Amino acid sequence: MVDQAHAEHRHAPSIFARQPVLTGVAVGIVSLAPHFFLTPQASLAFAAVLIGLIAGVYFGFAVMNGSPREQMIEFNVTGLFAIAGLLGLLLWPILLPLAYFGHAAWDFAHHNASRLRLVAIPQWYVPWCVVIDVIVGAGLLAIWYRHGLI
């Protein structure tokens, strides 16, 4: 049996849920910061890995909460973002910042107001992830343009 204090702690909203835009800005900046110190090739690799990681979160939501149809959709979309990351790393670096902007659009598609039949996610997650995606995508464009990668 779980004691009451433990049960209440388990359900307390996180700082991310209470302040999604503010924490999204913080996570976006922290995610972008290494690119100022990495070599161009390492920066590309880090961005490619991170977009795959970010996209995979929705598959995790689908595994926990979704139907087989929703799991298949999220698995395939995660794969598309992973392929975009790989192609951005190996061939066309511009694909990486574009993938972050594309992921922001995918975030919006999950907002309940969009009326699409996609896996349910916490309401706070949409603005949180959109902010991160836009900060990283725009930051990569600026940094990589300055370094001649794009």
N, C-alpha and C. Protein backbone atom coordinates (compact mmCIF):
# COMPACT_ATOMS: atom_id res chain seq x y z
N MET A 1 0.84 -1.18 0.00
CA MET A 1 0.00 0.00 0.00
C MET A 1 0.89 1.25 0.00
N VAL A 2 0.55 2.23 -0.82
CA VAL A 2 1.32 3.46 -0.91
C VAL A 2 0.79 4.46 0.11
N ASP A 3 1.71 5.05 0.89
CA ASP A 3 1.24 6.02 1.87
C ASP A 3 0.79 7.30 1.17
N GLN A 4 -0.04 8.08 1.87
CA GLN A 4 -0.67 9.27 1.28
C GLN A 4 0.38 10.30 0.84
N ALA A 5 1.42 10.54 1.63
CA ALA A 5 2.43 11.53 1.28
C ALA A 5 3.14 11.14 -0.02
N HIS A 6 3.45 9.84 -0.16
CA HIS A 6 4.11 9.38 -1.38
C HIS A 6 3.19 9.53 -2.58
N ALA A 7 1.92 9.19 -2.41
CA ALA A 7 0.95 9.30 -3.51
C ALA A 7 0.79 10.76 -3.94
N GLU A 8 0.74 11.69 -3.00
CA GLU A 8 0.60 13.11 -3.34
C GLU A 8 1.84 13.62 -4.05
N HIS A 9 3.00 13.20 -3.60
CA HIS A 9 4.25 13.63 -4.24
C HIS A 9 4.30 13.14 -5.69
N ARG A 10 3.85 11.94 -5.91
CA ARG A 10 3.88 11.35 -7.24
C ARG A 10 3.02 12.13 -8.22
N HIS A 11 1.98 12.80 -7.75
CA HIS A 11 1.05 13.49 -8.63
C HIS A 11 1.26 15.00 -8.65
N ALA A 12 2.23 15.49 -7.91
CA ALA A 12 2.50 16.93 -7.93
C ALA A 12 3.02 17.33 -9.31
N PRO A 13 2.50 18.41 -9.87
CA PRO A 13 2.99 18.82 -11.19
C PRO A 13 4.45 19.27 -11.14
N SER A 14 5.18 18.92 -12.16
CA SER A 14 6.59 19.29 -12.23
C SER A 14 6.73 20.78 -12.56
N ILE A 15 7.92 21.28 -12.40
CA ILE A 15 8.22 22.66 -12.79
C ILE A 15 7.97 22.85 -14.28
N PHE A 16 8.19 21.80 -15.07
CA PHE A 16 7.95 21.87 -16.51
C PHE A 16 6.46 22.06 -16.80
N ALA A 17 5.62 21.36 -16.05
CA ALA A 17 4.17 21.48 -16.23
C ALA A 17 3.66 22.82 -15.73
N ARG A 18 4.25 23.33 -14.66
CA ARG A 18 3.79 24.61 -14.09
C ARG A 18 4.27 25.80 -14.91
N GLN A 19 5.44 25.71 -15.50
CA GLN A 19 6.04 26.83 -16.24
C GLN A 19 6.59 26.34 -17.58
N PRO A 20 5.73 25.87 -18.50
CA PRO A 20 6.25 25.25 -19.71
C PRO A 20 7.04 26.19 -20.62
N VAL A 21 6.63 27.43 -20.75
CA VAL A 21 7.36 28.34 -21.64
C VAL A 21 8.70 28.71 -21.03
N LEU A 22 8.70 29.06 -19.76
CA LEU A 22 9.94 29.44 -19.09
C LEU A 22 10.95 28.29 -19.08
N THR A 23 10.50 27.09 -18.70
CA THR A 23 11.42 25.96 -18.69
C THR A 23 11.79 25.53 -20.10
N GLY A 24 10.89 25.73 -21.07
CA GLY A 24 11.23 25.44 -22.46
C GLY A 24 12.35 26.34 -22.96
N VAL A 25 12.29 27.62 -22.58
CA VAL A 25 13.36 28.55 -22.94
C VAL A 25 14.68 28.08 -22.33
N ALA A 26 14.64 27.71 -21.06
CA ALA A 26 15.86 27.26 -20.38
C ALA A 26 16.43 26.00 -21.04
N VAL A 27 15.58 25.01 -21.30
CA VAL A 27 16.04 23.77 -21.93
C VAL A 27 16.52 24.05 -23.36
N GLY A 28 15.84 24.93 -24.06
CA GLY A 28 16.27 25.28 -25.42
C GLY A 28 17.66 25.90 -25.43
N ILE A 29 17.89 26.82 -24.52
CA ILE A 29 19.21 27.48 -24.44
C ILE A 29 20.29 26.47 -24.05
N VAL A 30 19.99 25.64 -23.07
CA VAL A 30 20.96 24.63 -22.64
C VAL A 30 21.24 23.64 -23.77
N SER A 31 20.22 23.29 -24.54
CA SER A 31 20.40 22.36 -25.68
C SER A 31 21.21 22.99 -26.80
N LEU A 32 21.09 24.29 -26.95
CA LEU A 32 21.81 25.00 -28.01
C LEU A 32 23.24 25.36 -27.62
N ALA A 33 23.49 25.58 -26.34
CA ALA A 33 24.79 26.07 -25.85
C ALA A 33 25.99 25.25 -26.32
N PRO A 34 25.94 23.91 -26.32
CA PRO A 34 27.14 23.16 -26.74
C PRO A 34 27.58 23.48 -28.17
N HIS A 35 26.66 23.91 -29.01
CA HIS A 35 27.01 24.18 -30.41
C HIS A 35 27.98 25.35 -30.55
N PHE A 36 28.06 26.20 -29.55
CA PHE A 36 29.01 27.30 -29.58
C PHE A 36 30.45 26.82 -29.34
N PHE A 37 30.60 25.63 -28.78
CA PHE A 37 31.92 25.13 -28.40
C PHE A 37 32.37 23.91 -29.19
N LEU A 38 31.44 23.28 -29.89
CA LEU A 38 31.77 22.07 -30.65
C LEU A 38 32.37 22.40 -32.01
N THR A 39 33.14 21.47 -32.54
CA THR A 39 33.58 21.61 -33.92
C THR A 39 32.34 21.54 -34.82
N PRO A 40 32.44 22.04 -36.05
CA PRO A 40 31.26 21.96 -36.94
C PRO A 40 30.72 20.55 -37.09
N GLN A 41 31.58 19.56 -37.29
CA GLN A 41 31.11 18.19 -37.47
C GLN A 41 30.46 17.64 -36.20
N ALA A 42 31.05 17.95 -35.05
CA ALA A 42 30.46 17.51 -33.79
C ALA A 42 29.12 18.21 -33.53
N SER A 43 29.02 19.46 -33.93
CA SER A 43 27.77 20.19 -33.80
C SER A 43 26.67 19.55 -34.64
N LEU A 44 27.01 19.18 -35.87
CA LEU A 44 26.04 18.49 -36.73
C LEU A 44 25.60 17.17 -36.09
N ALA A 45 26.56 16.42 -35.58
CA ALA A 45 26.24 15.12 -34.97
C ALA A 45 25.36 15.29 -33.74
N PHE A 46 25.67 16.27 -32.91
CA PHE A 46 24.87 16.51 -31.71
C PHE A 46 23.44 16.90 -32.08
N ALA A 47 23.30 17.76 -33.07
CA ALA A 47 21.96 18.18 -33.51
C ALA A 47 21.18 17.00 -34.08
N ALA A 48 21.84 16.12 -34.81
CA ALA A 48 21.18 14.95 -35.40
C ALA A 48 20.71 13.99 -34.31
N VAL A 49 21.55 13.76 -33.31
CA VAL A 49 21.16 12.87 -32.21
C VAL A 49 20.01 13.48 -31.42
N LEU A 50 20.09 14.77 -31.15
CA LEU A 50 19.07 15.43 -30.35
C LEU A 50 17.70 15.43 -31.03
N ILE A 51 17.63 15.63 -32.35
CA ILE A 51 16.32 15.63 -33.01
C ILE A 51 15.70 14.23 -32.94
N GLY A 52 16.52 13.20 -33.05
CA GLY A 52 15.99 11.84 -32.91
C GLY A 52 15.48 11.58 -31.50
N LEU A 53 16.20 12.08 -30.51
CA LEU A 53 15.78 11.92 -29.12
C LEU A 53 14.47 12.66 -28.86
N ILE A 54 14.40 13.89 -29.34
CA ILE A 54 13.19 14.70 -29.15
C ILE A 54 11.99 14.03 -29.81
N ALA A 55 12.17 13.58 -31.03
CA ALA A 55 11.06 12.94 -31.76
C ALA A 55 10.62 11.65 -31.09
N GLY A 56 11.54 10.95 -30.48
CA GLY A 56 11.23 9.68 -29.84
C GLY A 56 10.33 9.80 -28.62
N VAL A 57 10.24 10.98 -28.04
CA VAL A 57 9.40 11.16 -26.86
C VAL A 57 7.94 10.85 -27.19
N TYR A 58 7.48 11.25 -28.37
CA TYR A 58 6.09 10.97 -28.73
C TYR A 58 5.84 9.47 -28.88
N PHE A 59 6.81 8.74 -29.35
CA PHE A 59 6.65 7.29 -29.41
C PHE A 59 6.52 6.74 -27.99
N GLY A 60 7.27 7.30 -27.06
CA GLY A 60 7.14 6.90 -25.66
C GLY A 60 5.74 7.16 -25.12
N PHE A 61 5.18 8.33 -25.45
CA PHE A 61 3.79 8.62 -25.05
C PHE A 61 2.85 7.59 -25.66
N ALA A 62 3.08 7.23 -26.92
CA ALA A 62 2.20 6.27 -27.59
C ALA A 62 2.31 4.88 -26.96
N VAL A 63 3.50 4.47 -26.59
CA VAL A 63 3.68 3.16 -25.95
C VAL A 63 2.94 3.14 -24.61
N MET A 64 2.99 4.24 -23.89
CA MET A 64 2.33 4.29 -22.58
C MET A 64 0.81 4.49 -22.68
N ASN A 65 0.36 5.31 -23.62
CA ASN A 65 -1.05 5.74 -23.63
C ASN A 65 -1.81 5.43 -24.90
N GLY A 66 -1.14 4.98 -25.94
CA GLY A 66 -1.77 4.95 -27.25
C GLY A 66 -2.26 3.60 -27.71
N SER A 67 -3.07 3.69 -28.72
CA SER A 67 -3.56 2.50 -29.40
C SER A 67 -2.46 1.96 -30.32
N PRO A 68 -2.62 0.76 -30.84
CA PRO A 68 -1.64 0.27 -31.81
C PRO A 68 -1.49 1.21 -33.01
N ARG A 69 -2.59 1.80 -33.46
CA ARG A 69 -2.54 2.76 -34.58
C ARG A 69 -1.68 3.97 -34.21
N GLU A 70 -1.90 4.52 -33.01
CA GLU A 70 -1.13 5.68 -32.57
C GLU A 70 0.34 5.32 -32.38
N GLN A 71 0.60 4.12 -31.88
CA GLN A 71 1.99 3.67 -31.73
C GLN A 71 2.68 3.58 -33.08
N MET A 72 1.97 3.06 -34.08
CA MET A 72 2.56 2.93 -35.41
C MET A 72 2.83 4.31 -36.02
N ILE A 73 1.88 5.23 -35.86
CA ILE A 73 2.09 6.59 -36.38
C ILE A 73 3.32 7.22 -35.74
N GLU A 74 3.39 7.17 -34.42
CA GLU A 74 4.51 7.81 -33.73
C GLU A 74 5.84 7.12 -34.02
N PHE A 75 5.83 5.82 -34.14
CA PHE A 75 7.05 5.09 -34.49
C PHE A 75 7.55 5.54 -35.87
N ASN A 76 6.65 5.62 -36.84
CA ASN A 76 7.04 6.01 -38.20
C ASN A 76 7.49 7.46 -38.27
N VAL A 77 6.79 8.34 -37.57
CA VAL A 77 7.21 9.75 -37.58
C VAL A 77 8.55 9.92 -36.89
N THR A 78 8.76 9.21 -35.79
CA THR A 78 10.07 9.25 -35.14
C THR A 78 11.16 8.79 -36.11
N GLY A 79 10.87 7.74 -36.86
CA GLY A 79 11.83 7.26 -37.87
C GLY A 79 12.12 8.31 -38.93
N LEU A 80 11.10 9.04 -39.35
CA LEU A 80 11.32 10.11 -40.34
C LEU A 80 12.23 11.20 -39.80
N PHE A 81 12.03 11.57 -38.54
CA PHE A 81 12.92 12.57 -37.94
C PHE A 81 14.34 12.03 -37.79
N ALA A 82 14.47 10.75 -37.47
CA ALA A 82 15.81 10.14 -37.38
C ALA A 82 16.49 10.13 -38.74
N ILE A 83 15.73 9.83 -39.79
CA ILE A 83 16.29 9.86 -41.15
C ILE A 83 16.68 11.28 -41.53
N ALA A 84 15.84 12.26 -41.18
CA ALA A 84 16.19 13.67 -41.44
C ALA A 84 17.48 14.03 -40.72
N GLY A 85 17.62 13.55 -39.48
CA GLY A 85 18.85 13.80 -38.73
C GLY A 85 20.06 13.20 -39.42
N LEU A 86 19.93 11.97 -39.88
CA LEU A 86 21.04 11.30 -40.57
C LEU A 86 21.40 12.01 -41.88
N LEU A 87 20.37 12.35 -42.67
CA LEU A 87 20.63 13.06 -43.93
C LEU A 87 21.22 14.44 -43.69
N GLY A 88 20.77 15.10 -42.63
CA GLY A 88 21.35 16.40 -42.28
C GLY A 88 22.80 16.27 -41.87
N LEU A 89 23.11 15.22 -41.16
CA LEU A 89 24.49 14.98 -40.73
C LEU A 89 25.40 14.64 -41.90
N LEU A 90 24.92 13.78 -42.81
CA LEU A 90 25.78 13.26 -43.87
C LEU A 90 25.77 14.09 -45.16
N LEU A 91 24.62 14.72 -45.48
CA LEU A 91 24.50 15.34 -46.80
C LEU A 91 24.12 16.81 -46.80
N TRP A 92 23.05 17.15 -46.12
CA TRP A 92 22.48 18.50 -46.21
C TRP A 92 22.23 19.06 -44.81
N PRO A 93 23.19 19.76 -44.24
CA PRO A 93 23.04 20.28 -42.87
C PRO A 93 21.77 21.13 -42.66
N ILE A 94 21.29 21.78 -43.69
CA ILE A 94 20.10 22.62 -43.55
C ILE A 94 18.88 21.80 -43.09
N LEU A 95 18.90 20.48 -43.36
CA LEU A 95 17.79 19.63 -42.93
C LEU A 95 17.63 19.60 -41.41
N LEU A 96 18.71 19.77 -40.70
CA LEU A 96 18.63 19.67 -39.24
C LEU A 96 17.82 20.82 -38.62
N PRO A 97 18.15 22.09 -38.89
CA PRO A 97 17.28 23.13 -38.33
C PRO A 97 15.85 23.03 -38.86
N LEU A 98 15.70 22.64 -40.12
CA LEU A 98 14.35 22.47 -40.66
C LEU A 98 13.60 21.35 -39.95
N ALA A 99 14.31 20.31 -39.54
CA ALA A 99 13.67 19.23 -38.79
C ALA A 99 13.17 19.72 -37.44
N TYR A 100 13.93 20.61 -36.80
CA TYR A 100 13.46 21.17 -35.53
C TYR A 100 12.18 21.99 -35.74
N PHE A 101 12.14 22.78 -36.80
CA PHE A 101 10.92 23.54 -37.09
C PHE A 101 9.78 22.59 -37.46
N GLY A 102 10.09 21.53 -38.19
CA GLY A 102 9.09 20.52 -38.52
C GLY A 102 8.56 19.84 -37.27
N HIS A 103 9.43 19.63 -36.30
CA HIS A 103 8.98 19.01 -35.06
C HIS A 103 8.07 19.95 -34.28
N ALA A 104 8.33 21.24 -34.35
CA ALA A 104 7.42 22.20 -33.70
C ALA A 104 6.02 22.07 -34.31
N ALA A 105 5.96 21.89 -35.63
CA ALA A 105 4.66 21.69 -36.29
C ALA A 105 4.01 20.39 -35.81
N TRP A 106 4.81 19.34 -35.63
CA TRP A 106 4.29 18.06 -35.14
C TRP A 106 3.76 18.23 -33.71
N ASP A 107 4.45 19.06 -32.91
CA ASP A 107 3.95 19.37 -31.57
C ASP A 107 2.54 19.96 -31.66
N PHE A 108 2.38 20.95 -32.52
CA PHE A 108 1.06 21.60 -32.67
C PHE A 108 0.01 20.60 -33.12
N ALA A 109 0.38 19.64 -33.94
CA ALA A 109 -0.58 18.64 -34.41
C ALA A 109 -1.14 17.81 -33.26
N HIS A 110 -0.40 17.74 -32.16
CA HIS A 110 -0.84 16.96 -31.01
C HIS A 110 -1.71 17.76 -30.04
N HIS A 111 -1.83 19.03 -30.28
CA HIS A 111 -2.68 19.83 -29.41
C HIS A 111 -4.13 19.41 -29.61
N ASN A 112 -4.84 19.19 -28.54
CA ASN A 112 -6.21 18.68 -28.64
C ASN A 112 -7.11 19.54 -29.50
N ALA A 113 -6.85 20.83 -29.58
CA ALA A 113 -7.70 21.72 -30.37
C ALA A 113 -7.58 21.41 -31.87
N SER A 114 -6.53 20.73 -32.27
CA SER A 114 -6.34 20.44 -33.69
C SER A 114 -7.30 19.35 -34.18
N ARG A 115 -7.89 18.60 -33.25
CA ARG A 115 -8.88 17.57 -33.55
C ARG A 115 -8.33 16.42 -34.41
N LEU A 116 -7.04 16.28 -34.44
CA LEU A 116 -6.44 15.13 -35.11
C LEU A 116 -6.46 13.96 -34.15
N ARG A 117 -6.54 12.78 -34.68
CA ARG A 117 -6.56 11.58 -33.83
C ARG A 117 -5.13 11.09 -33.62
N LEU A 118 -4.41 11.77 -32.76
CA LEU A 118 -3.05 11.38 -32.41
C LEU A 118 -3.00 11.06 -30.93
N VAL A 119 -1.91 10.47 -30.48
CA VAL A 119 -1.79 10.06 -29.09
C VAL A 119 -1.96 11.26 -28.16
N ALA A 120 -2.64 11.03 -27.05
CA ALA A 120 -2.83 12.07 -26.04
C ALA A 120 -1.51 12.34 -25.32
N ILE A 121 -1.24 13.61 -25.13
CA ILE A 121 -0.04 14.02 -24.40
C ILE A 121 -0.46 15.06 -23.37
N PRO A 122 0.38 15.31 -22.36
CA PRO A 122 0.04 16.36 -21.40
C PRO A 122 -0.06 17.72 -22.12
N GLN A 123 -1.04 18.52 -21.74
CA GLN A 123 -1.26 19.81 -22.39
C GLN A 123 -0.05 20.73 -22.32
N TRP A 124 0.70 20.68 -21.24
CA TRP A 124 1.84 21.57 -21.09
C TRP A 124 2.97 21.22 -22.05
N TYR A 125 2.99 19.98 -22.54
CA TYR A 125 4.11 19.51 -23.34
C TYR A 125 4.20 20.23 -24.68
N VAL A 126 3.05 20.60 -25.26
CA VAL A 126 3.06 21.27 -26.57
C VAL A 126 3.83 22.58 -26.51
N PRO A 127 3.47 23.55 -25.65
CA PRO A 127 4.24 24.79 -25.66
C PRO A 127 5.69 24.59 -25.23
N TRP A 128 5.90 23.67 -24.31
CA TRP A 128 7.26 23.41 -23.84
C TRP A 128 8.15 22.96 -24.99
N CYS A 129 7.70 21.96 -25.74
CA CYS A 129 8.51 21.41 -26.82
C CYS A 129 8.61 22.37 -28.01
N VAL A 130 7.53 23.10 -28.31
CA VAL A 130 7.59 24.08 -29.40
C VAL A 130 8.68 25.11 -29.13
N VAL A 131 8.72 25.62 -27.91
CA VAL A 131 9.73 26.63 -27.55
C VAL A 131 11.14 26.06 -27.74
N ILE A 132 11.36 24.85 -27.28
CA ILE A 132 12.68 24.23 -27.43
C ILE A 132 13.02 24.07 -28.91
N ASP A 133 12.09 23.53 -29.69
CA ASP A 133 12.35 23.30 -31.12
C ASP A 133 12.69 24.59 -31.85
N VAL A 134 11.95 25.65 -31.57
CA VAL A 134 12.18 26.92 -32.27
C VAL A 134 13.51 27.53 -31.86
N ILE A 135 13.82 27.50 -30.57
CA ILE A 135 15.11 28.04 -30.12
C ILE A 135 16.26 27.28 -30.76
N VAL A 136 16.21 25.96 -30.73
CA VAL A 136 17.31 25.17 -31.29
C VAL A 136 17.37 25.34 -32.81
N GLY A 137 16.23 25.27 -33.49
CA GLY A 137 16.24 25.43 -34.95
C GLY A 137 16.79 26.79 -35.38
N ALA A 138 16.29 27.86 -34.76
CA ALA A 138 16.76 29.21 -35.12
C ALA A 138 18.23 29.40 -34.72
N GLY A 139 18.59 28.89 -33.56
CA GLY A 139 19.99 29.00 -33.13
C GLY A 139 20.95 28.27 -34.05
N LEU A 140 20.56 27.07 -34.48
CA LEU A 140 21.42 26.33 -35.41
C LEU A 140 21.58 27.08 -36.73
N LEU A 141 20.49 27.64 -37.22
CA LEU A 141 20.60 28.43 -38.46
C LEU A 141 21.62 29.56 -38.30
N ALA A 142 21.54 30.27 -37.20
CA ALA A 142 22.46 31.39 -36.97
C ALA A 142 23.90 30.94 -36.78
N ILE A 143 24.10 29.94 -35.94
CA ILE A 143 25.45 29.47 -35.65
C ILE A 143 26.08 28.86 -36.91
N TRP A 144 25.35 28.02 -37.58
CA TRP A 144 25.92 27.32 -38.74
C TRP A 144 26.09 28.25 -39.93
N TYR A 145 25.26 29.25 -40.06
CA TYR A 145 25.46 30.24 -41.12
C TYR A 145 26.78 30.99 -40.86
N ARG A 146 26.98 31.36 -39.61
CA ARG A 146 28.21 32.07 -39.22
C ARG A 146 29.46 31.24 -39.47
N HIS A 147 29.32 29.90 -39.32
CA HIS A 147 30.46 29.00 -39.51
C HIS A 147 30.53 28.42 -40.93
N GLY A 148 29.65 28.87 -41.79
CA GLY A 148 29.69 28.44 -43.19
C GLY A 148 29.16 27.02 -43.44
N LEU A 149 28.42 26.45 -42.51
CA LEU A 149 27.88 25.11 -42.71
C LEU A 149 26.65 25.11 -43.61
N ILE A 150 25.93 26.22 -43.59
CA ILE A 150 24.73 26.33 -44.42
C ILE A 150 24.75 27.64 -45.18
